[in-house]
Amino acid sequence: MATGTPINRQMVIVLKNGIIAIDWGDGLYQDIRTGDFIPVLETDYSHHILNEELDWLIKIGRVISYDKNTVQSQSLPERPQRTID
């Protein structure tokens, strides 16, 4: 069984500038290569990730494996959470 963070493949997108990001919803995007949370506008979106792009992420060590539904990424920084005041 693969380790890492399982991500629904439909949540992995490629931006027009080439950044591959995870769309966590509610306007929160994470660069899968760096782990940074980044601002993304709807006009920045290019396409859902392709197998060739996932193969490259495996080659550079950011993705462990993938199939038609899931991408297993290396561990990612935690999503920012609002604390209860």
C-alpha atoms as a PDB file:
ATOM      1  CA  MET A   1       0.000   0.000   0.000  1.00  0.00           C
ATOM      2  CA  ALA A   2       1.344   3.441  -0.915  1.00  0.00           C
ATOM      3  CA  THR A   3       2.139   5.968   1.778  1.00  0.00           C
ATOM      4  CA  GLY A   4       1.821   9.738   1.588  1.00  0.00           C
ATOM      5  CA  THR A   5      -1.238  11.885   1.082  1.00  0.00           C
ATOM      6  CA  PRO A   6      -4.049  10.460  -1.099  1.00  0.00           C
ATOM      7  CA  ILE A   7      -5.635  13.144  -3.265  1.00  0.00           C
ATOM      8  CA  ASN A   8      -8.614  12.853  -5.589  1.00  0.00           C
ATOM      9  CA  ARG A   9      -7.096  13.207  -9.057  1.00  0.00           C
ATOM     10  CA  GLN A  10      -9.768  15.716 -10.116  1.00  0.00           C
ATOM     11  CA  MET A  11      -8.395  18.085  -7.461  1.00  0.00           C
ATOM     12  CA  VAL A  12      -4.953  18.215  -9.110  1.00  0.00           C
ATOM     13  CA  ILE A  13      -4.790  20.981 -11.704  1.00  0.00           C
ATOM     14  CA  VAL A  14      -2.203  22.623 -13.901  1.00  0.00           C
ATOM     15  CA  LEU A  15      -2.096  26.394 -14.105  1.00  0.00           C
ATOM     16  CA  LYS A  16      -1.249  28.396 -17.214  1.00  0.00           C
ATOM     17  CA  ASN A  17       2.151  29.264 -15.698  1.00  0.00           C
ATOM     18  CA  GLY A  18       2.967  25.531 -15.360  1.00  0.00           C
ATOM     19  CA  ILE A  19       2.470  25.236 -11.615  1.00  0.00           C
ATOM     20  CA  ILE A  20       0.778  22.005 -10.602  1.00  0.00           C
ATOM     21  CA  ALA A  21      -1.584  22.663  -7.725  1.00  0.00           C
ATOM     22  CA  ILE A  22      -4.056  20.897  -5.494  1.00  0.00           C
ATOM     23  CA  ASP A  23      -7.453  22.566  -5.273  1.00  0.00           C
ATOM     24  CA  TRP A  24      -8.488  21.984  -1.660  1.00  0.00           C
ATOM     25  CA  GLY A  25     -11.707  23.982  -2.147  1.00  0.00           C
ATOM     26  CA  ASP A  26     -12.808  27.276  -0.606  1.00  0.00           C
ATOM     27  CA  GLY A  27     -10.182  29.115  -2.666  1.00  0.00           C
ATOM     28  CA  LEU A  28      -7.259  27.210  -1.099  1.00  0.00           C
ATOM     29  CA  TYR A  29      -4.606  25.952  -3.530  1.00  0.00           C
ATOM     30  CA  GLN A  30      -1.309  24.232  -2.777  1.00  0.00           C
ATOM     31  CA  ASP A  31       1.693  23.970  -5.089  1.00  0.00           C
ATOM     32  CA  ILE A  32       2.378  20.221  -5.138  1.00  0.00           C
ATOM     33  CA  ARG A  33       6.067  20.751  -5.912  1.00  0.00           C
ATOM     34  CA  THR A  34       6.915  23.226  -3.147  1.00  0.00           C
ATOM     35  CA  GLY A  35       4.072  22.637  -0.673  1.00  0.00           C
ATOM     36  CA  ASP A  36       3.358  26.386  -0.586  1.00  0.00           C
ATOM     37  CA  PHE A  37      -0.213  27.641  -0.444  1.00  0.00           C
ATOM     38  CA  ILE A  38      -0.756  29.967  -3.389  1.00  0.00           C
ATOM     39  CA  PRO A  39      -3.393  32.382  -4.668  1.00  0.00           C
ATOM     40  CA  VAL A  40      -5.120  31.166  -7.830  1.00  0.00           C
ATOM     41  CA  LEU A  41      -7.662  32.968  -9.964  1.00  0.00           C
ATOM     42  CA  GLU A  42     -10.160  31.110 -12.106  1.00  0.00           C
ATOM     43  CA  THR A  43      -8.453  32.594 -15.174  1.00  0.00           C
ATOM     44  CA  ASP A  44      -5.138  30.945 -14.094  1.00  0.00           C
ATOM     45  CA  TYR A  45      -6.553  27.432 -14.600  1.00  0.00           C
ATOM     46  CA  SER A  46      -5.297  25.462 -17.622  1.00  0.00           C
ATOM     47  CA  HIS A  47      -6.304  21.787 -17.256  1.00  0.00           C
ATOM     48  CA  HIS A  48      -6.553  18.715 -15.010  1.00  0.00           C
ATOM     49  CA  ILE A  49      -3.259  16.918 -14.642  1.00  0.00           C
ATOM     50  CA  LEU A  50      -2.158  14.502 -17.374  1.00  0.00           C
ATOM     51  CA  ASN A  51      -0.347  11.181 -16.919  1.00  0.00           C
ATOM     52  CA  GLU A  52       2.832  12.646 -18.421  1.00  0.00           C
ATOM     53  CA  GLU A  53       2.827  15.428 -15.831  1.00  0.00           C
ATOM     54  CA  LEU A  54       2.269  12.917 -13.029  1.00  0.00           C
ATOM     55  CA  ASP A  55       5.153  10.815 -14.378  1.00  0.00           C
ATOM     56  CA  TRP A  56       7.381  13.906 -14.098  1.00  0.00           C
ATOM     57  CA  LEU A  57       6.242  14.464 -10.490  1.00  0.00           C
ATOM     58  CA  ILE A  58       7.162  10.848  -9.708  1.00  0.00           C
ATOM     59  CA  LYS A  59      10.567  11.375 -11.319  1.00  0.00           C
ATOM     60  CA  ILE A  60      11.292  14.425  -9.124  1.00  0.00           C
ATOM     61  CA  GLY A  61       9.976  12.667  -6.007  1.00  0.00           C
ATOM     62  CA  ARG A  62       6.814  14.679  -5.295  1.00  0.00           C
ATOM     63  CA  VAL A  63       4.340  11.923  -6.186  1.00  0.00           C
ATOM     64  CA  ILE A  64       4.599   8.281  -5.121  1.00  0.00           C
ATOM     65  CA  SER A  65       2.001   6.788  -7.465  1.00  0.00           C
ATOM     66  CA  TYR A  66      -1.268   7.485  -9.237  1.00  0.00           C
ATOM     67  CA  ASP A  67      -4.181   5.793 -10.916  1.00  0.00           C
ATOM     68  CA  LYS A  68      -7.265   7.066 -12.734  1.00  0.00           C
ATOM     69  CA  ASN A  69      -8.860   8.271  -9.468  1.00  0.00           C
ATOM     70  CA  THR A  70      -6.138   9.023  -6.925  1.00  0.00           C
ATOM     71  CA  VAL A  71      -2.734  10.672  -6.689  1.00  0.00           C
ATOM     72  CA  GLN A  72      -0.501   9.609  -3.786  1.00  0.00           C
ATOM     73  CA  SER A  73       1.718  12.603  -3.062  1.00  0.00           C
ATOM     74  CA  GLN A  74       4.684  12.799  -0.743  1.00  0.00           C
ATOM     75  CA  SER A  75       3.819  14.333   2.613  1.00  0.00           C
ATOM     76  CA  LEU A  76       2.589  17.896   2.290  1.00  0.00           C
ATOM     77  CA  PRO A  77       2.507  20.741   4.822  1.00  0.00           C
ATOM     78  CA  GLU A  78      -0.752  20.959   6.762  1.00  0.00           C
ATOM     79  CA  ARG A  79      -3.558  23.147   5.488  1.00  0.00           C
ATOM     80  CA  PRO A  80      -3.897  26.371   7.460  1.00  0.00           C
ATOM     81  CA  GLN A  81      -6.702  26.089   9.982  1.00  0.00           C
ATOM     82  CA  ARG A  82      -8.512  28.887  11.775  1.00  0.00           C
ATOM     83  CA  THR A  83      -8.392  28.488  15.519  1.00  0.00           C
ATOM     84  CA  ILE A  84     -11.356  29.013  17.781  1.00  0.00           C
ATOM     85  CA  ASP A  85     -10.931  32.327  19.566  1.00  0.00           C
END
